[in-house]
């Protein structure tokens, strides 16, 4: 069993790698590697796409990487379990509106737009701990209940057009999407590797998930 964390030069992957390796050992999910090798990605049993930075830059870096075609085939053709984190989740959307309209992967029916809290005194980026509100049950949420905390750092959020594809949200001057899913794909807007026991539980759930 192999989980590949895709390296397309977008963000520091060290903390994510350590968290996934720890939980893979705990649940018996095999090995975890950080890789940009298309052959490794094509042969992996699970894929993780992290991301830090602006949507257009991350989208361009991903599409120009050797990993892109292998990742798409693994997810769309082979139906391998996939997890997007932070901008990696946002890239799952139909389109991103940060700086300029940019095509996403189109795996989730939604658009990524700037967070606009109803209270203008609330700062953007949305940064720090926030309480999850569970909208839709899912295996990655086993043992997770409304009110548990996750750690967020983002200025843009995904507006999901198909409600069944939103698993959880948080309140930050209005609903802010926290977790999305469809078929063998799931996305976390927050950083599970920085979200203490709650985040580690969700990583373990993903590693044990058999769609």
Protein backbone atom coordinates (compact mmCIF):
# COMPACT_ATOMS: atom_id res chain seq x y z
CA UNK A 1 0.00 0.00 0.00
CA UNK A 2 1.47 3.34 -1.05
CA UNK A 3 0.23 6.90 -0.49
CA UNK A 4 1.84 9.52 -2.72
CA UNK A 5 1.94 13.15 -1.60
CA UNK A 6 2.33 15.03 -4.88
CA UNK A 7 5.20 17.48 -5.03
CA UNK A 8 4.66 20.19 -7.64
CA UNK A 9 6.76 22.81 -5.83
CA UNK A 10 3.80 24.43 -4.10
CA UNK A 11 4.34 24.60 -0.37
CA UNK A 12 6.33 23.01 2.42
CA UNK A 13 5.46 19.33 2.49
CA UNK A 14 7.50 18.27 5.51
CA UNK A 15 4.77 18.55 8.18
CA UNK A 16 2.19 16.85 5.96
CA UNK A 17 4.60 14.03 5.18
CA UNK A 18 5.32 13.42 8.88
CA UNK A 19 1.62 13.45 9.84
CA UNK A 20 0.65 11.04 7.06
CA UNK A 21 3.56 8.72 7.84
CA UNK A 22 2.60 8.68 11.53
CA UNK A 23 -1.02 7.81 10.85
CA UNK A 24 -0.19 5.30 8.10
CA UNK A 25 1.93 3.44 10.64
CA UNK A 26 -0.90 3.61 13.19
CA UNK A 27 -3.61 2.23 10.89
CA UNK A 28 -1.39 -0.13 8.89
CA UNK A 29 -1.74 1.79 5.62
CA UNK A 30 1.73 1.07 4.25
CA UNK A 31 4.21 3.65 3.03
CA UNK A 32 3.91 7.40 2.43
CA UNK A 33 6.21 9.22 0.01
CA UNK A 34 6.54 12.77 -1.27
CA UNK A 35 7.10 12.52 -5.00
CA UNK A 36 6.93 14.23 -8.36
CA UNK A 37 7.65 10.99 -10.23
CA UNK A 38 4.77 10.22 -12.64
CA UNK A 39 5.45 6.48 -12.43
CA UNK A 40 5.21 6.48 -8.65
CA UNK A 41 2.03 8.57 -8.76
CA UNK A 42 0.49 6.29 -11.39
CA UNK A 43 1.17 3.24 -9.24
CA UNK A 44 0.14 4.71 -5.89
CA UNK A 45 -2.91 3.42 -4.04
CA UNK A 46 -3.84 6.89 -2.68
CA UNK A 47 -2.97 10.43 -3.69
CA UNK A 48 -2.65 13.60 -1.65
CA UNK A 49 -2.46 17.03 -3.31
CA UNK A 50 -1.37 19.82 -0.95
CA UNK A 51 -1.02 23.46 -1.96
CA UNK A 52 -0.03 26.86 -0.64
CA UNK A 53 -0.22 30.16 -2.48
CA UNK A 54 -2.47 31.65 -5.14
CA UNK A 55 -4.88 29.52 -7.16
CA UNK A 56 -3.56 30.57 -10.62
CA UNK A 57 0.08 29.94 -9.69
CA UNK A 58 -0.71 26.56 -8.15
CA UNK A 59 -2.88 25.56 -11.13
CA UNK A 60 -0.12 26.51 -13.57
CA UNK A 61 2.56 24.70 -11.56
CA UNK A 62 0.44 21.56 -11.34
CA UNK A 63 -0.45 21.49 -15.03
CA UNK A 64 3.17 22.04 -16.08
CA UNK A 65 4.47 19.30 -13.80
CA UNK A 66 5.14 15.78 -14.92
CA UNK A 67 2.80 14.63 -12.17
CA UNK A 68 -0.34 16.13 -13.67
CA UNK A 69 -1.29 13.53 -16.30
CA UNK A 70 -0.50 10.64 -13.97
CA UNK A 71 -2.60 12.18 -11.19
CA UNK A 72 -5.61 12.80 -13.44
CA UNK A 73 -5.51 9.27 -14.84
CA UNK A 74 -5.17 7.77 -11.36
CA UNK A 75 -8.19 9.70 -10.09
CA UNK A 76 -10.48 9.81 -13.13
CA UNK A 77 -9.73 6.43 -14.73
CA UNK A 78 -8.42 4.24 -11.90
CA UNK A 79 -10.65 5.83 -9.20
CA UNK A 80 -7.84 5.97 -6.68
CA UNK A 81 -8.74 7.73 -3.40
CA UNK A 82 -7.65 11.38 -3.56
CA UNK A 83 -7.29 14.08 -0.91
CA UNK A 84 -6.78 17.76 -1.70
CA UNK A 85 -5.52 20.04 1.10
CA UNK A 86 -5.89 23.84 1.25
CA UNK A 87 -5.25 25.12 -2.31
CA UNK A 88 -5.09 21.46 -3.30
CA UNK A 89 -8.77 21.29 -2.36
CA UNK A 90 -9.56 24.54 -4.16
CA UNK A 91 -8.01 23.16 -7.37
CA UNK A 92 -10.71 20.47 -7.34
CA UNK A 93 -13.29 23.18 -8.20
CA UNK A 94 -14.59 24.11 -11.61
CA UNK A 95 -12.94 27.53 -11.54
CA UNK A 96 -10.94 29.86 -9.33
CA UNK A 97 -11.47 33.64 -9.29
CA UNK A 98 -8.29 34.70 -7.50
CA UNK A 99 -6.64 37.49 -9.53
CA UNK A 100 -8.09 36.14 -12.79
CA UNK A 101 -10.58 33.39 -13.74
CA UNK A 102 -8.61 30.14 -13.89
CA UNK A 103 -9.82 26.65 -14.73
CA UNK A 104 -9.70 24.09 -11.94
CA UNK A 105 -9.84 20.33 -12.24
CA UNK A 106 -13.65 20.33 -12.38
CA UNK A 107 -14.00 17.48 -9.90
CA UNK A 108 -16.26 19.45 -7.55
CA UNK A 109 -19.15 21.57 -8.80
CA UNK A 110 -18.07 24.89 -7.35
CA UNK A 111 -16.17 28.15 -7.76
CA UNK A 112 -13.37 29.51 -5.57
CA UNK A 113 -13.95 33.13 -4.58
CA UNK A 114 -12.69 35.59 -1.96
CA UNK A 115 -14.02 35.25 1.58
CA UNK A 116 -16.34 38.17 2.36
CA UNK A 117 -17.39 38.08 6.03
CA UNK A 118 -20.63 39.86 6.86
CA UNK A 119 -18.79 41.60 9.70
CA UNK A 120 -16.22 43.88 8.10
CA UNK A 121 -14.12 43.82 11.25
CA UNK A 122 -13.38 40.14 10.66
CA UNK A 123 -9.99 39.87 9.02
CA UNK A 124 -9.14 38.14 5.78
CA UNK A 125 -7.25 35.83 5.53
CA UNK A 126 -9.30 33.53 7.72
CA UNK A 127 -6.51 32.35 9.98
CA UNK A 128 -6.53 30.13 13.04
CA UNK A 129 -8.80 27.60 14.71
CA UNK A 130 -12.49 27.30 13.86
CA UNK A 131 -15.33 24.93 14.75
CA UNK A 132 -16.39 22.42 12.12
CA UNK A 133 -20.11 22.04 11.36
CA UNK A 134 -20.84 18.65 9.79
CA UNK A 135 -23.27 18.85 6.86
CA UNK A 136 -23.06 15.38 5.29
CA UNK A 137 -21.83 12.09 6.81
CA UNK A 138 -18.78 10.49 5.18
CA UNK A 139 -16.20 7.84 6.16
CA UNK A 140 -13.45 10.47 6.44
CA UNK A 141 -15.54 12.02 9.23
CA UNK A 142 -15.85 8.86 11.33
CA UNK A 143 -15.45 9.88 14.97
CA UNK A 144 -15.64 13.60 14.10
CA UNK A 145 -18.52 15.68 15.44
CA UNK A 146 -19.75 19.24 15.03
CA UNK A 147 -17.76 21.59 17.24
CA UNK A 148 -14.36 19.99 16.76
CA UNK A 149 -11.61 22.38 15.73
CA UNK A 150 -9.48 22.61 12.60
CA UNK A 151 -6.72 25.05 11.64
CA UNK A 152 -7.30 27.34 8.66
CA UNK A 153 -5.11 29.78 6.70
CA UNK A 154 -6.83 31.08 3.55
CA UNK A 155 -8.34 34.13 1.86
CA UNK A 156 -10.43 32.28 -0.73
CA UNK A 157 -13.06 29.59 -0.30
CA UNK A 158 -15.02 27.21 -2.49
CA UNK A 159 -18.69 27.97 -3.06
CA UNK A 160 -20.18 24.54 -3.78
CA UNK A 161 -23.15 24.44 -6.17
CA UNK A 162 -24.14 20.85 -5.36
CA UNK A 163 -24.94 20.68 -1.66
CA UNK A 164 -24.31 16.94 -1.41
CA UNK A 165 -20.66 17.61 -2.27
CA UNK A 166 -20.11 19.74 0.86
CA UNK A 167 -19.37 17.63 3.93
CA UNK A 168 -18.64 20.42 6.42
CA UNK A 169 -18.37 24.17 6.85
CA UNK A 170 -17.33 26.73 9.43
CA UNK A 171 -18.85 30.08 10.37
CA UNK A 172 -16.66 33.08 9.62
CA UNK A 173 -19.10 35.91 9.09
CA UNK A 174 -21.09 33.42 7.00
CA UNK A 175 -20.66 29.86 5.78
CA UNK A 176 -17.15 28.94 4.67
CA UNK A 177 -16.71 25.53 3.06
CA UNK A 178 -14.38 23.28 5.05
CA UNK A 179 -14.67 19.81 3.48
CA UNK A 180 -15.88 18.64 0.07
CA UNK A 181 -16.21 15.18 -1.47
CA UNK A 182 -17.38 13.33 -4.54
CA UNK A 183 -16.92 9.68 -5.49
CA UNK A 184 -13.34 8.72 -4.50
CA UNK A 185 -12.29 12.36 -3.95
CA UNK A 186 -12.25 14.46 -0.80
CA UNK A 187 -10.85 17.89 0.01
CA UNK A 188 -9.97 19.73 3.24
CA UNK A 189 -9.74 23.52 3.20
CA UNK A 190 -7.92 23.42 6.54
CA UNK A 191 -4.55 21.84 7.27
CA UNK A 192 -5.18 18.44 8.91
CA UNK A 193 -1.49 18.07 9.76
CA UNK A 194 -1.79 21.26 11.90
CA UNK A 195 -5.22 20.42 13.38
CA UNK A 196 -4.09 18.31 16.37
CA UNK A 197 -6.05 15.14 17.19
CA UNK A 198 -9.00 16.07 14.95
CA UNK A 199 -6.80 16.45 11.89
CA UNK A 200 -4.86 13.29 12.61
CA UNK A 201 -8.11 11.35 12.97
CA UNK A 202 -9.25 12.55 9.54
CA UNK A 203 -5.90 11.64 8.00
CA UNK A 204 -6.23 8.16 9.50
CA UNK A 205 -9.80 7.90 8.20
CA UNK A 206 -8.66 8.82 4.70
CA UNK A 207 -5.84 6.28 4.79
CA UNK A 208 -8.27 3.56 5.90
CA UNK A 209 -11.07 4.59 3.51
CA UNK A 210 -12.07 2.08 0.83
CA UNK A 211 -14.55 3.84 -1.48
